[in-house]
Amino acid sequence: MFALTVDASALKNAVAFAAAACPANPSLPIQRGIHLKMATHGEQVNVTLTGYDHMRAVCNTVTIDAHLESGTVDDGQHIIIAGATAKAMITTLPGPVVTLSLDDGAQKLSIDSESTHFAAPLMTGDWISPERDGAEYVAVTVDADAWKSTTACAHKASGKDTSIPVLTGAQVVATGSEVTVTSTDRYRLFTGKVDVLSDADSVQAEVIVPAKELDDVSKMLCKNQDTATVELSANGIRITAGRASTRIGSLDGDFPRWKQLIPTDLSQEVTVDGEVLAAALNRAAVATDKANVPARLELDPDAATMKVMFTDDTEFSDTIAADGVCEAMTIGINPNYLKDGIEAVGSAKVMLGVVSATRPLLVQGEASHHKYLAMPVKLASA
């Protein structure tokens, strides 16, 4: 038997993080569980909580500190409780400290805080976790905020059609100097680079993982963290920040060969104010959502004009200043996709580059590691 005390805030965050990986509709009841494993250091106990979704191959692991108030804890002792139930119980606890206790032979974990008491039933069964899958991982350290924003942009540009799984993924490539994250849904493409902070000259690894899961876990892990460790193998990716980590399994398939789509010799390019263009795109999106027609992006060396004509008597037009070398050209564009591109490059000044009206539009910031392509849309005759 034992009784452990733990900081309530740390426990709530840890249970929520581990439970986020538990599947909603598991094939086996045990898969709904959170695995708690204890490591003893005298009266101090490290409690590691793990949730695992077998179908998505997503595993969340976090370690928190506890203090042994009474009884004994065997090093490596573990229990399993239902993830959703534990989260619902623990998030409502009122006090700053929580006591977790288990009597010998008991089938429930007691959870107490001030006058509130819960008893969470223990789950039985064999716990299978891919904390280490035998694959060889290579690791790099990156800035947490840069990684979080890059994976968010990759998620936006990824495909949502699950019948083509590889397009729902993000390609992650690590070298000694940078990590490149790329995604596409065939109508747009995002590729962003994050500088490597660690000494990793010999690193070379590549994997494709679900873009949504990569974005979701990066937001959770990198919040209030300075750096994150990214580990890659042929079987998946592991991200660690602070005392929490997530492993995401890889997707099968060949990622599209996208590098040849990025124009290297632009004959037409203009620079615009990114914030002003984003505001114009927001207004254009209102019109195109109603009309289900693309916006007309008219480029010339001095201005970029967004136009939408969606009925015989209603139209939208917005012109912003531009600077560059560009012949007069009209491109059909999805304003929502272009707006995502402006946000992705994250720059005050944004360069719009084209080879022709029938080739992808390149969006790039002045000093940004990110590039974004928006495919042109056929326009109706004026």
Protein backbone atom coordinates (compact mmCIF):
# COMPACT_ATOMS: atom_id res chain seq x y z
CA MET A 1 0.00 0.00 0.00
CA PHE A 2 1.09 3.58 -0.49
CA ALA A 3 -0.02 7.20 -0.27
CA LEU A 4 1.58 9.80 -2.54
CA THR A 5 1.10 13.57 -2.56
CA VAL A 6 1.50 15.52 -5.78
CA ASP A 7 1.02 19.09 -6.94
CA ALA A 8 -2.53 19.37 -8.28
CA SER A 9 -1.64 21.57 -11.25
CA ALA A 10 1.14 19.25 -12.38
CA LEU A 11 -1.13 16.22 -12.04
CA LYS A 12 -4.00 17.84 -13.95
CA ASN A 13 -1.72 18.81 -16.83
CA ALA A 14 -0.07 15.39 -16.91
CA VAL A 15 -3.34 13.45 -16.92
CA ALA A 16 -4.80 15.70 -19.62
CA PHE A 17 -1.68 15.23 -21.77
CA ALA A 18 -1.59 11.43 -21.38
CA ALA A 19 -5.36 11.11 -21.90
CA ALA A 20 -5.13 13.09 -25.15
CA ALA A 21 -3.52 10.04 -26.75
CA CYS A 22 -6.18 7.57 -25.58
CA PRO A 23 -8.44 6.44 -28.45
CA ALA A 24 -12.13 7.36 -28.41
CA ASN A 25 -13.22 3.97 -29.81
CA PRO A 26 -10.58 1.40 -28.83
CA SER A 27 -10.66 -2.17 -30.05
CA LEU A 28 -9.78 -3.39 -26.53
CA PRO A 29 -10.84 -1.81 -23.19
CA ILE A 30 -7.24 -1.66 -21.93
CA GLN A 31 -6.43 0.81 -24.70
CA ARG A 32 -8.58 3.44 -22.96
CA GLY A 33 -6.18 3.42 -20.04
CA ILE A 34 -3.44 5.66 -18.73
CA HIS A 35 -0.41 3.75 -17.52
CA LEU A 36 1.19 5.05 -14.30
CA LYS A 37 4.69 3.77 -13.52
CA MET A 38 6.58 4.67 -10.35
CA ALA A 39 10.34 5.12 -9.93
CA THR A 40 11.47 5.52 -6.33
CA HIS A 41 14.23 7.76 -4.93
CA GLY A 42 13.79 7.46 -1.18
CA GLU A 43 10.70 9.47 -0.24
CA GLN A 44 10.65 11.09 -3.69
CA VAL A 45 8.78 9.21 -6.40
CA ASN A 46 8.78 9.93 -10.12
CA VAL A 47 5.40 9.05 -11.63
CA THR A 48 5.41 8.55 -15.40
CA LEU A 49 1.99 8.70 -17.09
CA THR A 50 1.53 7.27 -20.59
CA GLY A 51 -1.39 7.18 -22.99
CA TYR A 52 -1.24 5.28 -26.27
CA ASP A 53 -3.49 5.16 -29.31
CA HIS A 54 -2.67 1.94 -31.15
CA MET A 55 -4.58 2.91 -34.31
CA ARG A 56 -2.94 6.33 -34.72
CA ALA A 57 0.37 5.10 -33.26
CA VAL A 58 0.47 8.16 -30.98
CA CYS A 59 2.05 7.78 -27.54
CA ASN A 60 2.12 10.61 -24.96
CA THR A 61 4.44 10.30 -21.95
CA VAL A 62 5.05 12.75 -19.10
CA THR A 63 6.82 12.48 -15.74
CA ILE A 64 5.86 14.36 -12.55
CA ASP A 65 7.26 14.39 -9.01
CA ALA A 66 5.44 12.95 -6.01
CA HIS A 67 6.24 12.56 -2.30
CA LEU A 68 5.76 9.28 -0.46
CA GLU A 69 3.65 10.08 2.60
CA SER A 70 3.18 6.54 3.87
CA GLY A 71 3.59 2.92 2.90
CA THR A 72 6.02 1.64 0.29
CA VAL A 73 6.29 1.87 -3.48
CA ASP A 74 8.24 -0.76 -5.37
CA ASP A 75 10.56 0.66 -8.00
CA GLY A 76 8.84 0.00 -11.33
CA GLN A 77 5.42 -0.57 -9.75
CA HIS A 78 2.65 0.30 -12.18
CA ILE A 79 -1.14 0.59 -12.43
CA ILE A 80 -3.60 1.40 -15.22
CA ILE A 81 -6.68 3.62 -14.87
CA ALA A 82 -9.21 4.75 -17.48
CA GLY A 83 -7.94 7.91 -19.16
CA ALA A 84 -11.20 9.78 -19.71
CA THR A 85 -12.46 8.91 -16.22
CA ALA A 86 -9.24 9.99 -14.53
CA LYS A 87 -9.17 13.27 -16.45
CA ALA A 88 -12.78 14.05 -15.52
CA MET A 89 -12.10 13.33 -11.86
CA ILE A 90 -8.78 15.09 -11.45
CA THR A 91 -9.61 18.29 -13.36
CA THR A 92 -12.40 19.03 -10.86
CA LEU A 93 -10.29 18.68 -7.71
CA PRO A 94 -10.36 21.88 -5.60
CA GLY A 95 -7.12 21.90 -3.63
CA PRO A 96 -3.47 22.66 -4.50
CA VAL A 97 -2.31 19.16 -3.44
CA VAL A 98 -3.67 15.74 -4.41
CA THR A 99 -3.19 12.47 -2.53
CA LEU A 100 -3.05 9.26 -4.54
CA SER A 101 -3.38 6.14 -2.40
CA LEU A 102 -3.74 2.44 -2.99
CA ASP A 103 -4.35 -0.20 -0.32
CA ASP A 104 -3.00 -3.73 -0.62
CA GLY A 105 -5.34 -5.81 -2.76
CA ALA A 106 -7.50 -2.78 -3.60
CA GLN A 107 -9.09 -2.55 -7.03
CA LYS A 108 -9.45 1.24 -6.97
CA LEU A 109 -7.01 4.15 -6.80
CA SER A 110 -8.15 6.73 -4.22
CA ILE A 111 -7.82 10.34 -5.36
CA ASP A 112 -8.28 12.95 -2.62
CA SER A 113 -7.96 16.72 -2.43
CA GLU A 114 -9.24 18.66 0.58
CA SER A 115 -12.77 17.34 1.19
CA THR A 116 -13.17 15.79 -2.27
CA HIS A 117 -12.71 12.05 -2.77
CA PHE A 118 -12.77 9.95 -5.95
CA ALA A 119 -12.01 6.27 -6.47
CA ALA A 120 -10.82 5.29 -9.95
CA PRO A 121 -11.14 1.57 -10.81
CA LEU A 122 -7.93 -0.16 -11.80
CA MET A 123 -7.83 -1.73 -15.25
CA THR A 124 -6.40 -5.19 -15.83
CA GLY A 125 -4.62 -6.46 -18.91
CA ASP A 126 -1.27 -6.37 -20.66
CA TRP A 127 -0.01 -2.86 -21.38
CA ILE A 128 1.73 -2.51 -24.73
CA SER A 129 3.57 0.74 -25.34
CA PRO A 130 5.94 1.70 -28.15
CA GLU A 131 8.12 3.88 -25.92
CA ARG A 132 11.06 2.36 -27.72
CA ASP A 133 10.31 0.39 -30.86
CA GLY A 134 13.82 -0.88 -31.56
CA ALA A 135 14.42 1.57 -34.41
CA GLU A 136 17.50 3.78 -34.49
CA TYR A 137 16.58 7.39 -33.80
CA VAL A 138 18.64 10.48 -34.58
CA ALA A 139 18.06 13.58 -32.47
CA VAL A 140 18.31 17.34 -32.97
CA THR A 141 17.40 20.28 -30.74
CA VAL A 142 15.29 23.15 -32.11
CA ASP A 143 13.63 26.34 -30.87
CA ALA A 144 10.24 25.35 -29.44
CA ASP A 145 8.27 28.34 -30.77
CA ALA A 146 9.76 27.99 -34.26
CA TRP A 147 8.92 24.28 -34.31
CA LYS A 148 5.37 24.89 -33.08
CA SER A 149 4.62 27.55 -35.71
CA THR A 150 6.17 25.50 -38.52
CA THR A 151 4.15 22.36 -37.75
CA ALA A 152 0.96 24.47 -37.51
CA CYS A 153 1.56 25.83 -41.02
CA ALA A 154 2.25 22.32 -42.31
CA HIS A 155 -1.04 21.09 -40.85
CA LYS A 156 -3.00 23.84 -42.66
CA ALA A 157 -1.52 22.95 -46.04
CA SER A 158 -1.86 19.18 -45.63
CA GLY A 159 -4.55 17.11 -47.30
CA LYS A 160 -7.73 16.20 -45.47
CA ASP A 161 -8.74 13.32 -47.80
CA THR A 162 -8.02 10.17 -45.79
CA SER A 163 -8.30 8.04 -48.94
CA ILE A 164 -4.83 9.39 -49.82
CA PRO A 165 -3.05 8.94 -46.46
CA VAL A 166 0.36 10.22 -47.54
CA LEU A 167 -1.10 13.64 -48.39
CA THR A 168 -2.52 13.95 -44.86
CA GLY A 169 1.06 13.77 -43.65
CA ALA A 170 4.01 16.08 -43.22
CA GLN A 171 7.42 15.14 -44.52
CA VAL A 172 10.07 15.84 -41.88
CA VAL A 173 13.72 15.86 -42.98
CA ALA A 174 16.52 16.48 -40.48
CA THR A 175 20.10 17.40 -41.33
CA GLY A 176 22.93 18.71 -39.21
CA SER A 177 21.87 22.34 -39.66
CA GLU A 178 18.08 22.35 -40.11
CA VAL A 179 14.81 20.44 -39.98
CA THR A 180 12.53 20.86 -43.01
CA VAL A 181 8.77 20.24 -42.67
CA THR A 182 6.74 20.00 -45.90
CA SER A 183 3.07 19.30 -46.66
CA THR A 184 0.70 19.60 -49.60
CA ASP A 185 -2.91 18.89 -50.52
CA ARG A 186 -2.13 19.21 -54.28
CA TYR A 187 -3.67 22.71 -54.40
CA ARG A 188 -1.07 24.36 -52.17
CA LEU A 189 2.28 23.46 -50.69
CA PHE A 190 4.13 24.60 -47.59
CA THR A 191 7.77 24.01 -46.77
CA GLY A 192 9.44 25.49 -43.70
CA LYS A 193 12.88 25.20 -42.16
CA VAL A 194 13.77 25.28 -38.47
CA ASP A 195 17.39 25.82 -37.46
CA VAL A 196 19.10 23.10 -35.45
CA LEU A 197 20.53 24.40 -32.18
CA SER A 198 22.49 21.29 -31.21
CA ASP A 199 25.75 19.97 -32.66
CA ALA A 200 24.48 17.36 -35.12
CA ASP A 201 26.73 17.47 -38.17
CA SER A 202 26.25 13.81 -39.09
CA VAL A 203 22.44 13.78 -38.82
CA GLN A 204 20.43 12.73 -41.87
CA ALA A 205 16.93 11.33 -41.43
CA GLU A 206 13.51 11.53 -43.07
CA VAL A 207 10.01 10.41 -42.11
CA ILE A 208 6.36 11.12 -43.04
CA VAL A 209 3.94 11.50 -40.11
CA PRO A 210 0.29 12.63 -39.82
CA ALA A 211 0.28 16.44 -40.02
CA LYS A 212 -2.65 16.91 -37.64
CA GLU A 213 -1.12 14.82 -34.88
CA LEU A 214 2.23 16.54 -35.39
CA ASP A 215 0.58 19.96 -34.99
CA ASP A 216 -1.56 18.93 -32.01
CA VAL A 217 1.27 17.44 -29.97
CA SER A 218 3.70 20.23 -30.86
CA LYS A 219 1.24 22.80 -29.49
CA MET A 220 0.89 20.86 -26.25
CA LEU A 221 4.57 20.03 -25.80
CA CYS A 222 6.14 23.35 -26.81
CA LYS A 223 3.89 25.61 -24.74
CA ASN A 224 6.07 27.61 -22.31
CA GLN A 225 9.21 25.76 -23.43
CA ASP A 226 12.41 27.24 -24.88
CA THR A 227 13.61 24.22 -26.84
CA ALA A 228 12.38 20.86 -28.08
CA THR A 229 14.22 17.69 -29.04
CA VAL A 230 13.11 16.10 -32.29
CA GLU A 231 14.07 12.46 -32.89
CA LEU A 232 13.49 10.74 -36.23
CA SER A 233 13.57 7.14 -37.36
CA ALA A 234 12.07 5.13 -40.20
CA ASN A 235 9.22 4.17 -37.85
CA GLY A 236 8.19 7.61 -36.63
CA ILE A 237 9.08 10.82 -34.81
CA ARG A 238 9.55 11.55 -31.11
CA ILE A 239 9.28 15.09 -29.74
CA THR A 240 10.41 15.92 -26.21
CA ALA A 241 10.04 19.23 -24.39
CA GLY A 242 10.61 19.54 -20.68
CA ARG A 243 9.54 16.27 -19.03
CA ALA A 244 6.92 15.34 -21.63
CA SER A 245 7.33 13.51 -24.92
CA THR A 246 5.22 12.16 -27.75
CA ARG A 247 5.92 9.48 -30.29
CA ILE A 248 3.99 9.50 -33.59
CA GLY A 249 4.15 6.55 -35.97
CA SER A 250 5.08 7.03 -39.62
CA LEU A 251 2.82 6.92 -42.67
CA ASP A 252 3.50 4.53 -45.55
CA GLY A 253 3.89 5.82 -49.08
CA ASP A 254 6.05 8.08 -51.19
CA PHE A 255 5.77 11.80 -50.58
CA PRO A 256 5.29 13.87 -53.78
CA ARG A 257 8.46 15.18 -55.41
CA TRP A 258 7.87 18.80 -54.63
CA LYS A 259 11.24 20.51 -54.98
CA GLN A 260 10.93 20.97 -58.73
CA LEU A 261 7.72 22.94 -58.14
CA ILE A 262 9.59 25.73 -56.33
CA PRO A 263 10.59 28.29 -59.00
CA THR A 264 14.26 29.21 -58.85
CA ASP A 265 14.37 31.80 -61.65
CA LEU A 266 11.47 34.17 -61.17
CA SER A 267 10.82 36.55 -64.04
CA GLN A 268 7.93 38.25 -62.26
CA GLU A 269 7.91 39.29 -58.62
CA VAL A 270 6.42 42.02 -56.46
CA THR A 271 6.80 42.87 -52.76
CA VAL A 272 3.77 43.91 -50.71
CA ASP A 273 2.90 44.64 -47.10
CA GLY A 274 1.90 41.26 -45.66
CA GLU A 275 -0.58 42.62 -43.10
CA VAL A 276 -2.34 44.83 -45.65
CA LEU A 277 -2.56 41.99 -48.19
CA ALA A 278 -3.91 39.60 -45.52
CA ALA A 279 -6.66 42.11 -44.65
CA ALA A 280 -7.59 42.41 -48.34
CA LEU A 281 -7.69 38.62 -48.64
CA ASN A 282 -10.01 38.41 -45.64
CA ARG A 283 -12.43 40.73 -47.40
CA ALA A 284 -12.10 38.84 -50.66
CA ALA A 285 -12.77 35.54 -48.88
CA VAL A 286 -16.17 36.84 -47.75
CA ALA A 287 -17.14 37.38 -51.37
CA THR A 288 -15.77 34.10 -52.70
CA ASP A 289 -17.39 32.08 -49.92
CA LYS A 290 -20.75 33.38 -51.06
CA ALA A 291 -20.11 33.02 -54.75
CA ASN A 292 -17.93 29.91 -54.82
CA VAL A 293 -15.65 31.55 -57.38
CA PRO A 294 -11.94 32.33 -57.21
CA ALA A 295 -10.53 35.77 -56.65
CA ARG A 296 -8.67 37.60 -59.41
CA LEU A 297 -5.20 38.69 -58.35
CA GLU A 298 -4.03 41.39 -60.75
CA LEU A 299 -0.32 42.13 -60.47
CA ASP A 300 1.72 44.99 -61.93
CA PRO A 301 4.97 46.66 -60.78
CA ASP A 302 3.14 49.24 -58.64
CA ALA A 303 0.09 47.47 -57.23
CA ALA A 304 -1.60 44.19 -56.40
CA THR A 305 -5.38 44.18 -56.86
CA MET A 306 -7.81 41.59 -55.54
CA LYS A 307 -11.10 41.41 -57.44
CA VAL A 308 -14.17 39.22 -57.09
CA MET A 309 -17.20 39.46 -59.37
CA PHE A 310 -19.86 37.04 -58.21
CA THR A 311 -23.16 38.38 -59.56
CA ASP A 312 -24.18 40.65 -62.38
CA ASP A 313 -24.47 43.64 -60.08
CA THR A 314 -22.08 42.90 -57.18
CA GLU A 315 -18.32 42.95 -57.11
CA PHE A 316 -15.37 43.37 -54.76
CA SER A 317 -12.09 45.15 -55.46
CA ASP A 318 -9.17 46.11 -53.23
CA THR A 319 -5.82 47.53 -54.38
CA ILE A 320 -2.63 47.69 -52.30
CA ALA A 321 0.75 49.18 -53.12
CA ALA A 322 3.46 46.91 -54.53
CA ASP A 323 7.06 47.22 -55.61
CA GLY A 324 8.86 44.97 -58.04
CA VAL A 325 9.47 43.79 -61.57
CA CYS A 326 6.32 42.36 -63.08
CA GLU A 327 4.37 42.56 -66.28
CA ALA A 328 0.66 43.12 -65.97
CA MET A 329 -0.78 39.71 -65.12
CA THR A 330 -4.02 38.23 -63.78
CA ILE A 331 -4.00 35.04 -61.73
CA GLY A 332 -6.97 33.07 -60.42
CA ILE A 333 -6.38 32.27 -56.76
CA ASN A 334 -8.17 30.88 -53.72
CA PRO A 335 -7.93 33.82 -51.27
CA ASN A 336 -8.07 31.55 -48.21
CA TYR A 337 -5.08 29.57 -49.45
CA LEU A 338 -3.13 32.73 -50.22
CA LYS A 339 -3.98 34.13 -46.78
CA ASP A 340 -2.62 30.95 -45.19
CA GLY A 341 0.55 31.51 -47.19
CA ILE A 342 0.93 35.07 -45.91
CA GLU A 343 0.58 33.80 -42.33
CA ALA A 344 2.97 30.92 -43.00
CA VAL A 345 5.91 33.06 -44.13
CA GLY A 346 5.48 35.32 -41.09
CA SER A 347 7.08 38.42 -42.56
CA ALA A 348 6.13 42.11 -42.62
CA LYS A 349 7.10 42.30 -46.29
CA VAL A 350 5.93 39.47 -48.53
CA MET A 351 7.26 38.60 -51.97
CA LEU A 352 4.84 37.21 -54.56
CA GLY A 353 6.66 35.48 -57.39
CA VAL A 354 5.33 33.91 -60.56
CA VAL A 355 6.70 32.46 -63.76
CA SER A 356 3.38 32.70 -65.59
CA ALA A 357 -0.34 32.93 -64.84
CA THR A 358 -0.65 29.15 -65.22
CA ARG A 359 2.18 28.26 -62.84
CA PRO A 360 2.06 28.18 -59.00
CA LEU A 361 2.30 31.47 -57.12
CA LEU A 362 5.28 31.58 -54.74
CA VAL A 363 4.86 33.37 -51.40
CA GLN A 364 8.03 34.11 -49.47
CA GLY A 365 9.11 36.44 -46.67
CA GLU A 366 12.13 38.74 -46.74
CA ALA A 367 14.13 36.79 -44.17
CA SER A 368 11.88 33.77 -43.73
CA HIS A 369 12.84 30.10 -43.86
CA HIS A 370 9.31 29.33 -45.05
CA LYS A 371 7.97 29.08 -48.60
CA TYR A 372 4.42 28.58 -49.76
CA LEU A 373 2.96 27.71 -53.14
CA ALA A 374 -0.65 28.35 -54.17
CA MET A 375 -1.85 26.66 -57.34
CA PRO A 376 -3.66 28.91 -59.83
CA VAL A 377 -7.39 28.48 -60.41
CA LYS A 378 -9.03 28.76 -63.81
CA LEU A 379 -10.91 32.01 -64.25
CA ALA A 380 -14.13 32.48 -66.15
CA SER A 381 -13.98 34.82 -69.11
CA ALA A 382 -14.43 38.44 -68.14
